[in-house]
Amino acid sequence: MNYMDVMDERYSCRNFDPKKDISDINLKEILEAGRKSPSSIGIEPWMFYVIESKSLKHDIRLACNNQPQVEECAKLVVVLAKIDDLRPNRPHADMMVTRRHDKSDAQKEEYKKWYKARFEGLSDEALYHYSSLQCYIASTNMVNMAASLGIQSCIVAGFDKKTLESTLNLDPLKLQVSLVLCFGYAASPRKQAQLRRSFDSVVKFIY
């Protein structure tokens, strides 16, 4: 499929076939689409937890307002936003802002100073907001990659964040939940065509 066909094919699937699993090859392709996603200043502030435990999937379903697709999907991926790693002088931040091999040591030091001026003193809430926005980009690429493979998805944003983070035994100073992604094969045909606003109602050219 070309990319526009992928956009037409993808929809929010709420009813997955529990008998059909996703191959390891296809799962890796989906995760690679997330890993290779662009992010602001190339900071890559994400982690992807693939939930294999059936009991844990059940607990996550409860934290996601008991939405059945969370437990019934073939593969469940929790997208996590980095928090503390984004602070200046942390190993992750230092590595990400200085990894360009075409930059001199002096240029890298200047970039570290620029990064520190921008991020120093930000609250956990501000860091989560910034990080989570980048996680949305990675999530979009993963669900579209899945659609290109004939695999449907459901993006779950309705969850009790504190409960879900406790269920996953996360340290919220380091990682917080951004989105929950359900992947699998639809149990039944799509019920209706895609609904979107018209091009002219969305796009405005400014001259």
N, C-alpha and C. Protein backbone atom coordinates (compact mmCIF):
# COMPACT_ATOMS: atom_id res chain seq x y z
N MET A 1 0.84 -1.21 0.00
CA MET A 1 0.00 0.00 0.00
C MET A 1 0.87 1.25 0.00
N ASN A 2 0.43 2.27 -0.75
CA ASN A 2 1.11 3.56 -0.58
C ASN A 2 0.60 4.21 0.71
N TYR A 3 1.21 5.31 1.07
CA TYR A 3 0.92 5.86 2.40
C TYR A 3 -0.53 6.32 2.54
N MET A 4 -1.10 6.89 1.48
CA MET A 4 -2.49 7.33 1.58
C MET A 4 -3.43 6.15 1.72
N ASP A 5 -3.09 5.01 1.10
CA ASP A 5 -3.90 3.81 1.29
C ASP A 5 -3.83 3.35 2.75
N VAL A 6 -2.65 3.46 3.34
CA VAL A 6 -2.49 3.11 4.76
C VAL A 6 -3.38 4.00 5.62
N MET A 7 -3.40 5.28 5.31
CA MET A 7 -4.23 6.22 6.07
C MET A 7 -5.71 5.88 5.95
N ASP A 8 -6.12 5.40 4.78
CA ASP A 8 -7.51 5.01 4.57
C ASP A 8 -7.84 3.69 5.26
N GLU A 9 -6.86 2.80 5.32
CA GLU A 9 -7.07 1.46 5.87
C GLU A 9 -7.13 1.47 7.39
N ARG A 10 -6.35 2.33 8.02
CA ARG A 10 -6.25 2.31 9.47
C ARG A 10 -7.52 2.87 10.13
N TYR A 11 -7.99 2.20 11.15
CA TYR A 11 -9.13 2.71 11.93
C TYR A 11 -8.99 2.21 13.36
N SER A 12 -9.83 2.72 14.24
CA SER A 12 -9.76 2.34 15.65
C SER A 12 -10.54 1.06 15.86
N CYS A 13 -9.83 -0.05 15.96
CA CYS A 13 -10.46 -1.37 16.10
C CYS A 13 -10.74 -1.65 17.57
N ARG A 14 -11.98 -2.00 17.84
CA ARG A 14 -12.37 -2.29 19.24
C ARG A 14 -12.65 -3.77 19.47
N ASN A 15 -12.59 -4.57 18.40
CA ASN A 15 -12.97 -5.97 18.52
C ASN A 15 -11.93 -6.82 17.80
N PHE A 16 -10.97 -7.35 18.56
CA PHE A 16 -9.89 -8.13 17.97
C PHE A 16 -10.18 -9.63 18.01
N ASP A 17 -9.62 -10.34 17.05
CA ASP A 17 -9.74 -11.80 17.00
C ASP A 17 -8.71 -12.40 17.95
N PRO A 18 -9.14 -12.99 19.05
CA PRO A 18 -8.18 -13.51 20.05
C PRO A 18 -7.40 -14.73 19.57
N LYS A 19 -7.81 -15.32 18.45
CA LYS A 19 -7.14 -16.52 17.95
C LYS A 19 -5.99 -16.20 17.00
N LYS A 20 -5.89 -14.94 16.59
CA LYS A 20 -4.85 -14.55 15.64
C LYS A 20 -3.77 -13.73 16.33
N ASP A 21 -2.56 -14.23 16.26
CA ASP A 21 -1.44 -13.53 16.87
C ASP A 21 -0.66 -12.75 15.81
N ILE A 22 0.22 -11.88 16.24
CA ILE A 22 1.08 -11.11 15.35
C ILE A 22 2.46 -11.76 15.35
N SER A 23 3.03 -11.97 14.19
CA SER A 23 4.34 -12.62 14.10
C SER A 23 5.40 -11.72 14.73
N ASP A 24 6.49 -12.36 15.16
CA ASP A 24 7.60 -11.61 15.74
C ASP A 24 8.18 -10.62 14.73
N ILE A 25 8.22 -11.03 13.47
CA ILE A 25 8.76 -10.15 12.42
C ILE A 25 7.91 -8.90 12.28
N ASN A 26 6.60 -9.08 12.22
CA ASN A 26 5.71 -7.92 12.08
C ASN A 26 5.72 -7.03 13.32
N LEU A 27 5.79 -7.65 14.49
CA LEU A 27 5.85 -6.87 15.72
C LEU A 27 7.11 -6.01 15.73
N LYS A 28 8.23 -6.59 15.32
CA LYS A 28 9.46 -5.81 15.30
C LYS A 28 9.36 -4.65 14.32
N GLU A 29 8.71 -4.87 13.17
CA GLU A 29 8.53 -3.79 12.20
C GLU A 29 7.73 -2.65 12.81
N ILE A 30 6.69 -2.99 13.55
CA ILE A 30 5.86 -1.97 14.19
C ILE A 30 6.68 -1.18 15.21
N LEU A 31 7.43 -1.89 16.05
CA LEU A 31 8.24 -1.25 17.07
C LEU A 31 9.37 -0.42 16.46
N GLU A 32 9.93 -0.90 15.35
CA GLU A 32 10.98 -0.16 14.66
C GLU A 32 10.44 1.16 14.11
N ALA A 33 9.18 1.15 13.66
CA ALA A 33 8.57 2.39 13.18
C ALA A 33 8.50 3.42 14.29
N GLY A 34 8.28 2.94 15.52
CA GLY A 34 8.30 3.85 16.66
C GLY A 34 9.71 4.30 16.99
N ARG A 35 10.64 3.36 17.00
CA ARG A 35 12.02 3.69 17.35
C ARG A 35 12.64 4.69 16.38
N LYS A 36 12.30 4.58 15.11
CA LYS A 36 12.90 5.43 14.09
C LYS A 36 12.15 6.75 13.89
N SER A 37 11.17 7.01 14.72
CA SER A 37 10.35 8.21 14.57
C SER A 37 11.16 9.48 14.86
N PRO A 38 10.77 10.58 14.23
CA PRO A 38 11.41 11.86 14.56
C PRO A 38 10.95 12.37 15.91
N SER A 39 11.79 13.18 16.52
CA SER A 39 11.41 13.81 17.79
C SER A 39 12.08 15.17 17.87
N SER A 40 11.52 16.04 18.67
CA SER A 40 12.06 17.38 18.85
C SER A 40 13.53 17.30 19.29
N ILE A 41 14.37 18.02 18.60
CA ILE A 41 15.83 18.05 18.79
C ILE A 41 16.45 16.65 18.90
N GLY A 42 15.77 15.66 18.32
CA GLY A 42 16.29 14.30 18.29
C GLY A 42 16.47 13.66 19.66
N ILE A 43 15.61 14.04 20.61
CA ILE A 43 15.83 13.60 22.00
C ILE A 43 15.31 12.18 22.26
N GLU A 44 14.41 11.67 21.40
CA GLU A 44 13.88 10.31 21.52
C GLU A 44 13.46 9.99 22.97
N PRO A 45 12.47 10.69 23.51
CA PRO A 45 12.17 10.57 24.94
C PRO A 45 11.17 9.46 25.26
N TRP A 46 11.33 8.29 24.66
CA TRP A 46 10.32 7.24 24.82
C TRP A 46 10.91 5.90 25.20
N MET A 47 10.03 5.08 25.75
CA MET A 47 10.27 3.65 25.97
C MET A 47 8.99 2.94 25.55
N PHE A 48 9.12 1.74 24.99
CA PHE A 48 7.97 0.95 24.58
C PHE A 48 7.96 -0.36 25.37
N TYR A 49 6.96 -0.55 26.21
CA TYR A 49 6.82 -1.79 26.98
C TYR A 49 5.84 -2.70 26.24
N VAL A 50 6.30 -3.85 25.80
CA VAL A 50 5.43 -4.85 25.17
C VAL A 50 4.96 -5.80 26.27
N ILE A 51 3.68 -5.80 26.52
CA ILE A 51 3.12 -6.56 27.64
C ILE A 51 2.76 -7.97 27.18
N GLU A 52 3.50 -8.95 27.66
CA GLU A 52 3.27 -10.35 27.28
C GLU A 52 2.44 -11.10 28.34
N SER A 53 2.50 -10.65 29.56
CA SER A 53 1.81 -11.32 30.66
C SER A 53 0.30 -11.15 30.54
N LYS A 54 -0.43 -12.26 30.56
CA LYS A 54 -1.90 -12.21 30.47
C LYS A 54 -2.50 -11.54 31.71
N SER A 55 -1.94 -11.86 32.87
CA SER A 55 -2.48 -11.27 34.09
C SER A 55 -2.23 -9.77 34.13
N LEU A 56 -1.07 -9.36 33.63
CA LEU A 56 -0.77 -7.93 33.60
C LEU A 56 -1.66 -7.21 32.59
N LYS A 57 -1.93 -7.84 31.45
CA LYS A 57 -2.85 -7.26 30.47
C LYS A 57 -4.23 -7.05 31.11
N HIS A 58 -4.64 -8.00 31.93
CA HIS A 58 -5.94 -7.87 32.60
C HIS A 58 -5.92 -6.68 33.56
N ASP A 59 -4.87 -6.53 34.32
CA ASP A 59 -4.76 -5.41 35.26
C ASP A 59 -4.71 -4.07 34.52
N ILE A 60 -4.02 -4.06 33.39
CA ILE A 60 -3.96 -2.83 32.59
C ILE A 60 -5.33 -2.50 32.03
N ARG A 61 -6.07 -3.52 31.61
CA ARG A 61 -7.45 -3.30 31.14
C ARG A 61 -8.28 -2.59 32.21
N LEU A 62 -8.16 -3.03 33.45
CA LEU A 62 -8.92 -2.41 34.53
C LEU A 62 -8.53 -0.94 34.71
N ALA A 63 -7.24 -0.65 34.55
CA ALA A 63 -6.77 0.74 34.68
C ALA A 63 -7.17 1.58 33.47
N CYS A 64 -7.52 0.90 32.37
CA CYS A 64 -7.96 1.60 31.14
C CYS A 64 -9.49 1.59 31.04
N ASN A 65 -10.13 1.86 32.14
CA ASN A 65 -11.60 1.94 32.19
C ASN A 65 -12.27 0.66 31.71
N ASN A 66 -11.59 -0.47 31.95
CA ASN A 66 -12.13 -1.80 31.62
C ASN A 66 -12.46 -1.96 30.13
N GLN A 67 -11.68 -1.34 29.28
CA GLN A 67 -11.91 -1.47 27.83
C GLN A 67 -11.43 -2.84 27.38
N PRO A 68 -12.32 -3.67 26.81
CA PRO A 68 -11.98 -5.07 26.51
C PRO A 68 -10.87 -5.25 25.49
N GLN A 69 -10.73 -4.30 24.55
CA GLN A 69 -9.71 -4.47 23.51
C GLN A 69 -8.29 -4.48 24.10
N VAL A 70 -8.13 -3.89 25.27
CA VAL A 70 -6.81 -3.87 25.91
C VAL A 70 -6.35 -5.29 26.25
N GLU A 71 -7.28 -6.12 26.67
CA GLU A 71 -6.96 -7.49 27.05
C GLU A 71 -7.06 -8.46 25.87
N GLU A 72 -7.94 -8.17 24.93
CA GLU A 72 -8.21 -9.10 23.83
C GLU A 72 -7.27 -8.94 22.64
N CYS A 73 -6.53 -7.82 22.56
CA CYS A 73 -5.65 -7.61 21.42
C CYS A 73 -4.50 -8.62 21.42
N ALA A 74 -3.91 -8.82 20.25
CA ALA A 74 -2.80 -9.77 20.15
C ALA A 74 -1.55 -9.25 20.84
N LYS A 75 -1.26 -7.97 20.67
CA LYS A 75 -0.08 -7.37 21.27
C LYS A 75 -0.46 -6.04 21.90
N LEU A 76 0.01 -5.83 23.11
CA LEU A 76 -0.26 -4.60 23.85
C LEU A 76 1.06 -3.87 24.09
N VAL A 77 1.10 -2.61 23.68
CA VAL A 77 2.31 -1.81 23.84
C VAL A 77 1.97 -0.57 24.66
N VAL A 78 2.67 -0.37 25.75
CA VAL A 78 2.51 0.84 26.55
C VAL A 78 3.66 1.78 26.21
N VAL A 79 3.29 2.98 25.76
CA VAL A 79 4.28 3.97 25.36
C VAL A 79 4.55 4.88 26.56
N LEU A 80 5.82 4.92 26.96
CA LEU A 80 6.21 5.66 28.16
C LEU A 80 7.06 6.87 27.81
N ALA A 81 6.79 7.96 28.51
CA ALA A 81 7.52 9.22 28.30
C ALA A 81 8.62 9.35 29.35
N LYS A 82 9.82 9.60 28.89
CA LYS A 82 10.93 9.84 29.81
C LYS A 82 10.77 11.20 30.50
N ILE A 83 11.18 11.26 31.76
CA ILE A 83 11.09 12.50 32.53
C ILE A 83 12.49 12.93 32.98
N ASP A 84 13.04 12.26 33.95
CA ASP A 84 14.32 12.67 34.53
C ASP A 84 15.46 12.64 33.51
N ASP A 85 15.41 11.71 32.56
CA ASP A 85 16.46 11.60 31.55
C ASP A 85 16.57 12.84 30.68
N LEU A 86 15.52 13.67 30.66
CA LEU A 86 15.55 14.87 29.82
C LEU A 86 16.23 16.05 30.51
N ARG A 87 16.51 15.92 31.77
CA ARG A 87 17.12 17.04 32.48
C ARG A 87 18.57 17.24 32.02
N PRO A 88 19.01 18.49 31.96
CA PRO A 88 20.40 18.76 31.54
C PRO A 88 21.40 18.00 32.40
N ASN A 89 22.47 17.56 31.76
CA ASN A 89 23.58 16.85 32.38
C ASN A 89 23.26 15.42 32.78
N ARG A 90 22.06 14.93 32.43
CA ARG A 90 21.79 13.52 32.60
C ARG A 90 22.44 12.76 31.44
N PRO A 91 22.89 11.52 31.66
CA PRO A 91 23.57 10.77 30.60
C PRO A 91 22.79 10.70 29.29
N HIS A 92 21.46 10.45 29.39
CA HIS A 92 20.65 10.35 28.16
C HIS A 92 20.65 11.68 27.41
N ALA A 93 20.38 12.76 28.11
CA ALA A 93 20.31 14.07 27.47
C ALA A 93 21.66 14.44 26.87
N ASP A 94 22.73 14.25 27.62
CA ASP A 94 24.07 14.58 27.11
C ASP A 94 24.39 13.79 25.85
N MET A 95 24.06 12.49 25.87
CA MET A 95 24.36 11.65 24.71
C MET A 95 23.56 12.09 23.48
N MET A 96 22.28 12.37 23.68
CA MET A 96 21.41 12.69 22.55
C MET A 96 21.77 14.02 21.91
N VAL A 97 22.19 14.98 22.70
CA VAL A 97 22.47 16.31 22.13
C VAL A 97 23.90 16.44 21.61
N THR A 98 24.75 15.43 21.87
CA THR A 98 26.14 15.54 21.42
C THR A 98 26.56 14.41 20.48
N ARG A 99 25.63 13.61 20.01
CA ARG A 99 26.00 12.41 19.26
C ARG A 99 26.30 12.66 17.78
N ARG A 100 26.11 13.89 17.32
CA ARG A 100 26.41 14.20 15.93
C ARG A 100 27.92 14.15 15.70
N HIS A 101 28.35 13.24 14.83
CA HIS A 101 29.79 13.06 14.60
C HIS A 101 30.39 14.19 13.77
N ASP A 102 29.54 14.96 13.09
CA ASP A 102 30.09 16.02 12.24
C ASP A 102 30.28 17.33 13.00
N LYS A 103 30.04 17.31 14.30
CA LYS A 103 30.19 18.52 15.10
C LYS A 103 31.50 18.47 15.89
N SER A 104 32.13 19.62 16.03
CA SER A 104 33.35 19.70 16.83
C SER A 104 33.02 19.64 18.32
N ASP A 105 34.01 19.39 19.13
CA ASP A 105 33.79 19.37 20.58
C ASP A 105 33.26 20.71 21.08
N ALA A 106 33.76 21.79 20.51
CA ALA A 106 33.30 23.12 20.92
C ALA A 106 31.83 23.31 20.56
N GLN A 107 31.43 22.85 19.38
CA GLN A 107 30.03 22.96 18.97
C GLN A 107 29.12 22.13 19.87
N LYS A 108 29.61 20.95 20.26
CA LYS A 108 28.82 20.10 21.15
C LYS A 108 28.64 20.75 22.52
N GLU A 109 29.67 21.39 23.02
CA GLU A 109 29.56 22.07 24.30
C GLU A 109 28.58 23.23 24.23
N GLU A 110 28.58 23.95 23.12
CA GLU A 110 27.62 25.04 22.93
C GLU A 110 26.20 24.51 22.89
N TYR A 111 26.02 23.36 22.25
CA TYR A 111 24.68 22.78 22.18
C TYR A 111 24.21 22.33 23.56
N LYS A 112 25.13 21.79 24.36
CA LYS A 112 24.78 21.40 25.73
C LYS A 112 24.36 22.62 26.54
N LYS A 113 25.04 23.74 26.34
CA LYS A 113 24.67 24.98 27.04
C LYS A 113 23.30 25.45 26.60
N TRP A 114 23.04 25.36 25.29
CA TRP A 114 21.72 25.76 24.77
C TRP A 114 20.63 24.87 25.37
N TYR A 115 20.89 23.57 25.43
CA TYR A 115 19.92 22.62 25.98
C TYR A 115 19.66 22.92 27.46
N LYS A 116 20.73 23.19 28.19
CA LYS A 116 20.59 23.48 29.62
C LYS A 116 19.74 24.73 29.84
N ALA A 117 19.96 25.76 29.02
CA ALA A 117 19.19 27.00 29.16
C ALA A 117 17.71 26.77 28.89
N ARG A 118 17.41 25.84 28.01
CA ARG A 118 16.02 25.59 27.65
C ARG A 118 15.31 24.68 28.65
N PHE A 119 16.03 23.68 29.19
CA PHE A 119 15.36 22.65 29.98
C PHE A 119 15.62 22.73 31.49
N GLU A 120 16.61 23.46 31.91
CA GLU A 120 16.91 23.50 33.35
C GLU A 120 15.77 24.15 34.12
N GLY A 121 15.38 23.51 35.20
CA GLY A 121 14.34 24.07 36.06
C GLY A 121 12.93 23.73 35.66
N LEU A 122 12.74 22.99 34.55
CA LEU A 122 11.38 22.62 34.16
C LEU A 122 10.80 21.64 35.17
N SER A 123 9.52 21.77 35.43
CA SER A 123 8.85 20.87 36.36
C SER A 123 8.65 19.50 35.71
N ASP A 124 8.35 18.50 36.55
CA ASP A 124 8.03 17.17 36.02
C ASP A 124 6.85 17.25 35.06
N GLU A 125 5.87 18.08 35.39
CA GLU A 125 4.68 18.22 34.55
C GLU A 125 5.05 18.78 33.17
N ALA A 126 5.92 19.78 33.15
CA ALA A 126 6.34 20.36 31.88
C ALA A 126 7.15 19.37 31.06
N LEU A 127 8.02 18.62 31.71
CA LEU A 127 8.81 17.62 31.01
C LEU A 127 7.92 16.51 30.45
N TYR A 128 6.92 16.10 31.23
CA TYR A 128 5.99 15.08 30.75
C TYR A 128 5.24 15.58 29.52
N HIS A 129 4.78 16.81 29.56
CA HIS A 129 4.04 17.37 28.43
C HIS A 129 4.91 17.36 27.18
N TYR A 130 6.14 17.82 27.30
CA TYR A 130 7.07 17.86 26.17
C TYR A 130 7.36 16.45 25.67
N SER A 131 7.67 15.55 26.58
CA SER A 131 8.03 14.18 26.23
C SER A 131 6.85 13.44 25.60
N SER A 132 5.68 13.61 26.18
CA SER A 132 4.51 12.88 25.71
C SER A 132 4.11 13.30 24.29
N LEU A 133 4.31 14.57 23.96
CA LEU A 133 4.02 15.01 22.59
C LEU A 133 4.86 14.25 21.58
N GLN A 134 6.12 13.98 21.93
CA GLN A 134 6.99 13.22 21.03
C GLN A 134 6.53 11.76 20.97
N CYS A 135 6.05 11.24 22.08
CA CYS A 135 5.55 9.86 22.11
C CYS A 135 4.34 9.69 21.18
N TYR A 136 3.54 10.74 21.03
CA TYR A 136 2.41 10.68 20.12
C TYR A 136 2.88 10.50 18.68
N ILE A 137 4.00 11.12 18.34
CA ILE A 137 4.54 10.97 16.98
C ILE A 137 4.94 9.51 16.76
N ALA A 138 5.66 8.94 17.71
CA ALA A 138 6.08 7.54 17.59
C ALA A 138 4.88 6.61 17.53
N SER A 139 3.87 6.90 18.32
CA SER A 139 2.67 6.05 18.34
C SER A 139 1.95 6.09 16.99
N THR A 140 1.86 7.27 16.40
CA THR A 140 1.22 7.39 15.10
C THR A 140 1.95 6.55 14.05
N ASN A 141 3.26 6.61 14.08
CA ASN A 141 4.02 5.81 13.11
C ASN A 141 3.83 4.31 13.34
N MET A 142 3.71 3.89 14.59
CA MET A 142 3.51 2.47 14.87
C MET A 142 2.16 1.97 14.37
N VAL A 143 1.10 2.75 14.62
CA VAL A 143 -0.22 2.28 14.18
C VAL A 143 -0.34 2.31 12.66
N ASN A 144 0.31 3.27 12.01
CA ASN A 144 0.28 3.30 10.56
C ASN A 144 1.12 2.18 9.95
N MET A 145 2.25 1.87 10.56
CA MET A 145 3.04 0.72 10.10
C MET A 145 2.20 -0.55 10.23
N ALA A 146 1.50 -0.70 11.36
CA ALA A 146 0.66 -1.87 11.55
C ALA A 146 -0.38 -1.98 10.43
N ALA A 147 -1.02 -0.86 10.11
CA ALA A 147 -2.04 -0.87 9.06
C ALA A 147 -1.45 -1.29 7.72
N SER A 148 -0.20 -0.90 7.45
CA SER A 148 0.44 -1.29 6.20
C SER A 148 0.68 -2.78 6.12
N LEU A 149 0.69 -3.45 7.28
CA LEU A 149 0.89 -4.90 7.36
C LEU A 149 -0.43 -5.66 7.47
N GLY A 150 -1.55 -4.93 7.38
CA GLY A 150 -2.86 -5.56 7.53
C GLY A 150 -3.24 -5.81 8.96
N ILE A 151 -2.58 -5.13 9.89
CA ILE A 151 -2.83 -5.28 11.32
C ILE A 151 -3.53 -4.02 11.82
N GLN A 152 -4.62 -4.21 12.55
CA GLN A 152 -5.37 -3.06 13.04
C GLN A 152 -4.91 -2.68 14.45
N SER A 153 -5.38 -1.53 14.90
CA SER A 153 -4.91 -0.99 16.17
C SER A 153 -5.99 -0.16 16.84
N CYS A 154 -5.77 0.09 18.10
CA CYS A 154 -6.62 1.01 18.86
C CYS A 154 -5.71 1.81 19.78
N ILE A 155 -5.79 3.13 19.66
CA ILE A 155 -5.00 4.01 20.53
C ILE A 155 -5.84 4.33 21.76
N VAL A 156 -5.35 3.93 22.92
CA VAL A 156 -6.10 4.13 24.16
C VAL A 156 -5.47 5.25 24.97
N ALA A 157 -6.24 6.32 25.14
CA ALA A 157 -5.80 7.44 25.97
C ALA A 157 -6.66 7.57 27.22
N GLY A 158 -7.70 6.76 27.29
CA GLY A 158 -8.58 6.80 28.45
C GLY A 158 -8.12 5.80 29.51
N PHE A 159 -7.36 6.28 30.47
CA PHE A 159 -6.87 5.41 31.54
C PHE A 159 -6.64 6.23 32.80
N ASP A 160 -6.63 5.53 33.92
CA ASP A 160 -6.27 6.14 35.20
C ASP A 160 -4.75 6.12 35.27
N LYS A 161 -4.13 7.25 35.03
CA LYS A 161 -2.68 7.31 34.85
C LYS A 161 -1.92 6.82 36.08
N LYS A 162 -2.30 7.27 37.25
CA LYS A 162 -1.59 6.86 38.47
C LYS A 162 -1.73 5.36 38.72
N THR A 163 -2.94 4.85 38.51
CA THR A 163 -3.17 3.42 38.71
C THR A 163 -2.36 2.61 37.72
N LEU A 164 -2.34 3.05 36.46
CA LEU A 164 -1.60 2.32 35.44
C LEU A 164 -0.10 2.34 35.71
N GLU A 165 0.40 3.48 36.14
CA GLU A 165 1.83 3.56 36.46
C GLU A 165 2.19 2.70 37.66
N SER A 166 1.29 2.62 38.62
CA SER A 166 1.51 1.74 39.77
C SER A 166 1.46 0.28 39.35
N THR A 167 0.53 -0.05 38.46
CA THR A 167 0.40 -1.42 37.95
C THR A 167 1.68 -1.86 37.25
N LEU A 168 2.32 -0.93 36.54
CA LEU A 168 3.55 -1.22 35.82
C LEU A 168 4.79 -1.04 36.69
N ASN A 169 4.57 -0.68 37.95
CA ASN A 169 5.67 -0.49 38.90
C ASN A 169 6.67 0.55 38.40
N LEU A 170 6.15 1.65 37.89
CA LEU A 170 7.00 2.71 37.35
C LEU A 170 7.38 3.71 38.43
N ASP A 171 8.56 4.28 38.29
CA ASP A 171 8.95 5.44 39.08
C ASP A 171 8.55 6.66 38.26
N PRO A 172 7.49 7.40 38.66
CA PRO A 172 7.01 8.52 37.84
C PRO A 172 7.99 9.67 37.71
N LEU A 173 9.05 9.66 38.51
CA LEU A 173 10.10 10.66 38.32
C LEU A 173 10.95 10.33 37.10
N LYS A 174 10.87 9.07 36.66
CA LYS A 174 11.69 8.63 35.52
C LYS A 174 10.85 8.35 34.28
N LEU A 175 9.73 7.64 34.45
CA LEU A 175 8.87 7.27 33.32
C LEU A 175 7.41 7.46 33.68
N GLN A 176 6.64 7.99 32.73
CA GLN A 176 5.21 8.14 32.91
C GLN A 176 4.49 7.64 31.66
N VAL A 177 3.27 7.17 31.83
CA VAL A 177 2.51 6.62 30.71
C VAL A 177 2.01 7.74 29.80
N SER A 178 2.26 7.56 28.50
CA SER A 178 1.75 8.49 27.50
C SER A 178 0.51 7.93 26.82
N LEU A 179 0.63 6.74 26.24
CA LEU A 179 -0.48 6.09 25.53
C LEU A 179 -0.39 4.58 25.69
N VAL A 180 -1.52 3.92 25.44
CA VAL A 180 -1.57 2.47 25.38
C VAL A 180 -2.02 2.09 23.98
N LEU A 181 -1.27 1.21 23.32
CA LEU A 181 -1.56 0.83 21.94
C LEU A 181 -1.94 -0.65 21.87
N CYS A 182 -3.09 -0.92 21.28
CA CYS A 182 -3.56 -2.29 21.07
C CYS A 182 -3.36 -2.66 19.61
N PHE A 183 -2.79 -3.83 19.35
CA PHE A 183 -2.57 -4.30 17.98
C PHE A 183 -3.14 -5.70 17.81
N GLY A 184 -3.69 -5.96 16.63
CA GLY A 184 -4.20 -7.30 16.34
C GLY A 184 -4.96 -7.33 15.04
N TYR A 185 -5.63 -8.44 14.81
CA TYR A 185 -6.44 -8.61 13.60
C TYR A 185 -7.91 -8.47 13.97
N ALA A 186 -8.64 -7.73 13.15
CA ALA A 186 -10.05 -7.46 13.45
C ALA A 186 -10.86 -8.75 13.46
N ALA A 187 -11.76 -8.84 14.42
CA ALA A 187 -12.62 -10.02 14.53
C ALA A 187 -13.78 -9.97 13.55
N SER A 188 -14.09 -8.78 13.06
CA SER A 188 -15.21 -8.62 12.13
C SER A 188 -14.88 -7.48 11.17
N PRO A 189 -15.56 -7.43 10.02
CA PRO A 189 -15.28 -6.36 9.05
C PRO A 189 -15.58 -4.98 9.61
N ARG A 190 -14.90 -4.03 9.07
CA ARG A 190 -15.12 -2.64 9.45
C ARG A 190 -16.58 -2.25 9.19
N LYS A 191 -17.21 -1.58 10.13
CA LYS A 191 -18.64 -1.31 10.03
C LYS A 191 -18.98 -0.08 9.21
N GLN A 192 -18.09 0.91 9.18
CA GLN A 192 -18.40 2.12 8.42
C GLN A 192 -17.13 2.71 7.82
N ALA A 193 -17.33 3.49 6.78
CA ALA A 193 -16.21 4.13 6.11
C ALA A 193 -15.60 5.19 7.03
N GLN A 194 -14.37 5.55 6.73
CA GLN A 194 -13.68 6.56 7.52
C GLN A 194 -14.41 7.90 7.45
N LEU A 195 -14.53 8.55 8.58
CA LEU A 195 -15.18 9.86 8.64
C LEU A 195 -14.13 10.92 8.93
N ARG A 196 -14.00 11.87 8.02
CA ARG A 196 -13.07 12.98 8.20
C ARG A 196 -13.68 14.25 7.61
N ARG A 197 -13.28 15.39 8.15
CA ARG A 197 -13.70 16.67 7.58
C ARG A 197 -13.11 16.83 6.19
N SER A 198 -13.74 17.67 5.39
CA SER A 198 -13.27 17.89 4.03
C SER A 198 -11.94 18.63 4.01
N PHE A 199 -11.20 18.48 2.92
CA PHE A 199 -9.90 19.14 2.77
C PHE A 199 -10.02 20.65 2.95
N ASP A 200 -11.01 21.25 2.30
CA ASP A 200 -11.15 22.71 2.33
C ASP A 200 -11.54 23.23 3.72
N SER A 201 -12.17 22.38 4.53
CA SER A 201 -12.54 22.83 5.88
C SER A 201 -11.39 22.74 6.86
N VAL A 202 -10.32 22.06 6.46
CA VAL A 202 -9.17 21.85 7.33
C VAL A 202 -7.97 22.70 6.92
N VAL A 203 -7.79 22.89 5.62
CA VAL A 203 -6.59 23.52 5.09
C VAL A 203 -6.88 24.95 4.64
N LYS A 204 -6.04 25.86 5.07
CA LYS A 204 -6.14 27.26 4.64
C LYS A 204 -4.79 27.73 4.19
N PHE A 205 -4.71 28.25 2.97
CA PHE A 205 -3.46 28.77 2.41
C PHE A 205 -3.36 30.26 2.72
N ILE A 206 -2.25 30.66 3.31
CA ILE A 206 -2.04 32.04 3.68
C ILE A 206 -1.02 32.65 2.72
N TYR A 207 -1.43 33.68 2.01
CA TYR A 207 -0.55 34.32 1.03
C TYR A 207 -0.12 35.70 1.50
